[in-house]
Amino acid sequence: MSAISAFRSLTSLNFMSFTLHRLKKRLAALVSYTADWALFIGIVLLLGLGSSWYMVEKGSALTTVTSGPWVSWTSAGRPDADPYTRAHEARLGILPLSTEVSHTFIARTDSEGRTLHSSCDYAVEGREIANFWWSLTVFDADGRLIPNVLGRSTFTSDTMAINPDGGYMATLSRDAHTGNWLPTGGAGRLALAFTVLDLGTRAVAQEGEIERMAPTITRKGC
């Protein structure tokens, strides 16, 4: 082989090597660029889906009001309800009364923030609310009534035994108790609903009054 042929062959090999090297670098850069964008899009989707789930499941200061362990959706049942409130109602499969005439508060923890559970006993204490009808109902974590031999899941302002001073106490327990007892059986995690209904007396409560009248939930033992 002549020197010229050898030089041409070497040059050709060097060019091919250089071309492959540049191609590899471009492919690596493209893969890195694509991976960065995929990661970015994944993070955006995760944050978007996560925030949407939180707004539908838990709500925010724009859609809910809280009082201790109690949470109420401020525009529930109203025709002008925001999309998150409507999605929350649809997910639970409920058709609540409009907040123009009623307020429903849900608690899944006691007043110290501990998850309600049927393995524990609780004292639910509050005071009578003049000119309003109200109810206190216990559910399992999925919003279903808890089967029990008494067929009792709720007390109302008509059936709750009220003390002479206007206060009341209901006991949540799987074991029988005297007084206002709501059986919890072996339901596991619990949820309480406290509903206040305007009786049409036009005695409008002052802002925040009903929230302040929501009962306390105290764990007595497990």
Protein backbone atom coordinates (compact mmCIF):
# COMPACT_ATOMS: atom_id res chain seq x y z
CA MET A 1 0.00 0.00 0.00
CA SER A 2 1.35 3.39 -0.98
CA ALA A 3 1.92 6.13 1.54
CA ILE A 4 -0.88 8.17 -0.02
CA SER A 5 -3.37 5.30 0.31
CA ALA A 6 -2.34 4.71 3.91
CA PHE A 7 -2.72 8.43 4.67
CA ARG A 8 -6.18 8.48 3.07
CA SER A 9 -7.25 5.41 5.06
CA LEU A 10 -5.99 6.93 8.30
CA THR A 11 -7.71 10.22 7.51
CA SER A 12 -10.95 8.40 6.75
CA LEU A 13 -10.75 6.47 10.01
CA ASN A 14 -10.03 9.64 11.96
CA PHE A 15 -12.97 11.42 10.31
CA MET A 16 -15.32 8.50 11.09
CA SER A 17 -14.08 8.41 14.69
CA PHE A 18 -14.57 12.16 15.03
CA THR A 19 -18.04 11.94 13.48
CA LEU A 20 -19.07 9.10 15.83
CA HIS A 21 -17.71 11.04 18.77
CA ARG A 22 -19.72 14.13 17.84
CA LEU A 23 -22.82 11.98 17.25
CA LYS A 24 -22.45 10.38 20.66
CA LYS A 25 -22.11 13.79 22.32
CA ARG A 26 -25.21 15.08 20.55
CA LEU A 27 -27.19 11.97 21.49
CA ALA A 28 -26.03 12.29 25.11
CA ALA A 29 -27.03 15.97 25.14
CA LEU A 30 -30.42 15.13 23.59
CA VAL A 31 -31.04 12.37 26.14
CA SER A 32 -30.04 14.70 28.98
CA TYR A 33 -32.25 17.48 27.62
CA THR A 34 -35.19 15.09 27.18
CA ALA A 35 -34.70 13.66 30.67
CA ASP A 36 -34.62 17.14 32.18
CA TRP A 37 -37.85 18.09 30.44
CA ALA A 38 -39.49 14.78 31.39
CA LEU A 39 -38.49 15.38 35.03
CA PHE A 40 -39.80 18.94 34.90
CA ILE A 41 -43.11 17.88 33.36
CA GLY A 42 -43.41 15.03 35.88
CA ILE A 43 -42.85 17.41 38.80
CA VAL A 44 -45.41 19.88 37.39
CA LEU A 45 -47.99 17.11 36.91
CA LEU A 46 -47.31 15.71 40.38
CA LEU A 47 -47.66 19.11 42.02
CA GLY A 48 -50.76 19.90 39.98
CA LEU A 49 -52.49 16.62 40.73
CA GLY A 50 -51.41 16.75 44.37
CA SER A 51 -52.69 20.28 44.91
CA SER A 52 -55.96 19.47 43.12
CA TRP A 53 -56.46 16.38 45.29
CA TYR A 54 -55.78 18.42 48.43
CA MET A 55 -58.21 21.17 47.39
CA VAL A 56 -60.95 18.60 46.68
CA GLU A 57 -60.27 16.39 49.71
CA LYS A 58 -59.26 18.89 52.40
CA GLY A 59 -60.23 22.28 51.03
CA SER A 60 -58.52 25.57 51.84
CA ALA A 61 -59.18 28.85 53.60
CA LEU A 62 -61.02 29.93 50.44
CA THR A 63 -63.53 27.04 50.55
CA THR A 64 -63.71 25.89 54.17
CA VAL A 65 -63.97 27.21 57.71
CA THR A 66 -62.50 25.39 60.70
CA SER A 67 -63.26 25.36 64.40
CA GLY A 68 -60.96 23.11 66.40
CA PRO A 69 -61.23 19.65 64.78
CA TRP A 70 -64.34 20.64 62.80
CA VAL A 71 -64.30 21.56 59.10
CA SER A 72 -67.22 23.02 57.12
CA TRP A 73 -67.40 23.76 53.37
CA THR A 74 -68.72 27.30 53.21
CA SER A 75 -70.57 27.10 49.86
CA ALA A 76 -71.79 23.49 50.05
CA GLY A 77 -75.14 22.87 48.34
CA ARG A 78 -75.26 26.33 46.78
CA PRO A 79 -75.83 26.91 43.03
CA ASP A 80 -72.84 29.27 42.97
CA ALA A 81 -70.51 26.78 44.72
CA ASP A 82 -66.91 26.80 43.52
CA PRO A 83 -65.58 23.86 41.41
CA TYR A 84 -63.60 22.36 44.32
CA THR A 85 -66.68 22.26 46.57
CA ARG A 86 -68.72 20.64 43.81
CA ALA A 87 -65.98 18.08 43.17
CA HIS A 88 -65.80 17.35 46.91
CA GLU A 89 -69.55 16.71 47.06
CA ALA A 90 -69.47 14.57 43.91
CA ARG A 91 -66.57 12.47 45.21
CA LEU A 92 -68.44 11.75 48.44
CA GLY A 93 -71.72 11.19 46.61
CA ILE A 94 -73.63 13.61 48.86
CA LEU A 95 -76.34 16.20 48.24
CA PRO A 96 -76.00 18.60 51.17
CA LEU A 97 -78.44 21.29 52.20
CA SER A 98 -77.43 24.76 51.11
CA THR A 99 -75.20 26.65 53.52
CA GLU A 100 -77.77 29.45 53.24
CA VAL A 101 -79.94 27.45 55.68
CA SER A 102 -77.59 24.91 57.30
CA HIS A 103 -73.99 24.30 58.29
CA THR A 104 -72.41 20.86 58.49
CA PHE A 105 -69.08 20.38 60.25
CA ILE A 106 -67.03 17.19 59.92
CA ALA A 107 -64.40 16.04 62.44
CA ARG A 108 -61.99 13.16 61.92
CA THR A 109 -59.77 13.97 64.90
CA ASP A 110 -60.33 14.87 68.52
CA SER A 111 -59.71 18.37 69.83
CA GLU A 112 -56.01 17.53 70.27
CA GLY A 113 -55.62 16.44 66.65
CA ARG A 114 -55.56 12.66 67.23
CA THR A 115 -57.43 10.48 64.73
CA LEU A 116 -60.83 9.31 65.96
CA HIS A 117 -60.90 5.52 66.35
CA SER A 118 -63.45 3.05 67.67
CA SER A 119 -60.86 1.51 70.00
CA CYS A 120 -61.05 4.69 72.12
CA ASP A 121 -63.79 6.36 74.18
CA TYR A 122 -64.63 10.03 73.59
CA ALA A 123 -66.68 12.70 75.34
CA VAL A 124 -68.35 15.14 72.94
CA GLU A 125 -69.39 18.22 74.90
CA GLY A 126 -71.27 21.30 73.76
CA ARG A 127 -74.08 23.69 74.54
CA GLU A 128 -77.61 24.14 73.26
CA ILE A 129 -77.94 26.58 70.34
CA ALA A 130 -81.08 28.69 70.70
CA ASN A 131 -83.37 29.01 67.66
CA PHE A 132 -81.45 26.37 65.69
CA TRP A 133 -81.98 22.64 65.21
CA TRP A 134 -78.81 20.56 65.32
CA SER A 135 -77.65 16.96 65.11
CA LEU A 136 -74.55 14.95 66.02
CA THR A 137 -73.89 11.80 63.97
CA VAL A 138 -71.08 9.24 64.01
CA PHE A 139 -69.89 7.45 60.85
CA ASP A 140 -67.07 5.16 59.88
CA ALA A 141 -64.18 6.62 57.87
CA ASP A 142 -66.04 6.03 54.58
CA GLY A 143 -69.11 7.98 55.72
CA ARG A 144 -71.30 4.94 56.43
CA LEU A 145 -73.50 4.53 59.48
CA ILE A 146 -72.16 2.01 62.00
CA PRO A 147 -74.45 -1.02 62.56
CA ASN A 148 -75.37 -1.58 66.22
CA VAL A 149 -78.08 -3.34 68.22
CA LEU A 150 -79.70 -0.04 69.21
CA GLY A 151 -79.86 1.20 65.65
CA ARG A 152 -78.51 4.51 66.96
CA SER A 153 -76.08 6.69 65.09
CA THR A 154 -77.24 10.20 65.90
CA PHE A 155 -78.59 12.54 68.55
CA THR A 156 -80.43 15.74 67.73
CA SER A 157 -81.47 18.81 69.69
CA ASP A 158 -84.78 16.98 70.18
CA THR A 159 -83.32 13.68 71.46
CA MET A 160 -80.08 14.69 73.23
CA ALA A 161 -80.43 14.81 77.03
CA ILE A 162 -79.57 18.41 77.90
CA ASN A 163 -78.27 19.44 81.32
CA PRO A 164 -80.12 22.16 83.29
CA ASP A 165 -77.33 24.62 82.47
CA GLY A 166 -77.87 24.09 78.73
CA GLY A 167 -74.83 21.89 78.22
CA TYR A 168 -74.73 18.31 76.95
CA MET A 169 -72.28 15.42 76.68
CA ALA A 170 -72.42 12.48 74.29
CA THR A 171 -70.17 9.44 74.69
CA LEU A 172 -68.61 7.66 71.73
CA SER A 173 -67.68 4.12 72.70
CA ARG A 174 -67.89 0.53 71.53
CA ASP A 175 -69.01 -0.46 75.07
CA ALA A 176 -72.40 0.55 76.48
CA HIS A 177 -72.59 3.75 78.53
CA THR A 178 -75.39 5.51 80.36
CA GLY A 179 -76.71 8.78 79.04
CA ASN A 180 -76.16 9.96 75.48
CA TRP A 181 -74.24 6.98 74.08
CA LEU A 182 -73.33 6.61 70.40
CA PRO A 183 -72.02 3.05 69.72
CA THR A 184 -68.91 2.81 67.54
CA GLY A 185 -68.49 -1.00 67.48
CA GLY A 186 -65.41 -2.13 65.58
CA ALA A 187 -65.64 0.50 62.86
CA GLY A 188 -61.98 1.53 63.07
CA ARG A 189 -61.40 5.15 62.06
CA LEU A 190 -64.39 7.41 62.74
CA ALA A 191 -65.91 10.65 61.49
CA LEU A 192 -68.34 12.93 63.30
CA ALA A 193 -70.86 15.22 61.62
CA PHE A 194 -72.31 18.22 63.45
CA THR A 195 -75.15 19.87 61.51
CA VAL A 196 -76.89 23.12 62.44
CA LEU A 197 -80.15 24.03 60.67
CA ASP A 198 -81.91 27.40 60.65
CA LEU A 199 -85.50 26.86 61.80
CA GLY A 200 -86.72 29.92 59.94
CA THR A 201 -87.00 32.06 63.06
CA ARG A 202 -84.91 34.72 61.27
CA ALA A 203 -82.71 34.82 64.38
CA VAL A 204 -79.55 35.09 62.32
CA ALA A 205 -76.41 34.02 64.17
CA GLN A 206 -73.57 36.48 64.38
CA GLU A 207 -70.51 35.72 62.27
CA GLY A 208 -68.52 32.88 63.81
CA GLU A 209 -71.13 32.13 66.48
CA ILE A 210 -72.10 28.69 65.13
CA GLU A 211 -68.45 27.75 64.67
CA ARG A 212 -67.79 28.63 68.31
CA MET A 213 -70.75 26.47 69.36
CA ALA A 214 -69.31 23.32 67.76
CA PRO A 215 -68.67 20.76 70.54
CA THR A 216 -65.29 19.71 71.86
CA ILE A 217 -64.10 16.11 71.40
CA THR A 218 -62.04 14.72 74.28
CA ARG A 219 -60.41 11.28 74.29
CA LYS A 220 -61.09 9.55 77.58
CA GLY A 221 -59.15 6.34 77.06
CA CYS A 222 -58.21 3.57 74.64
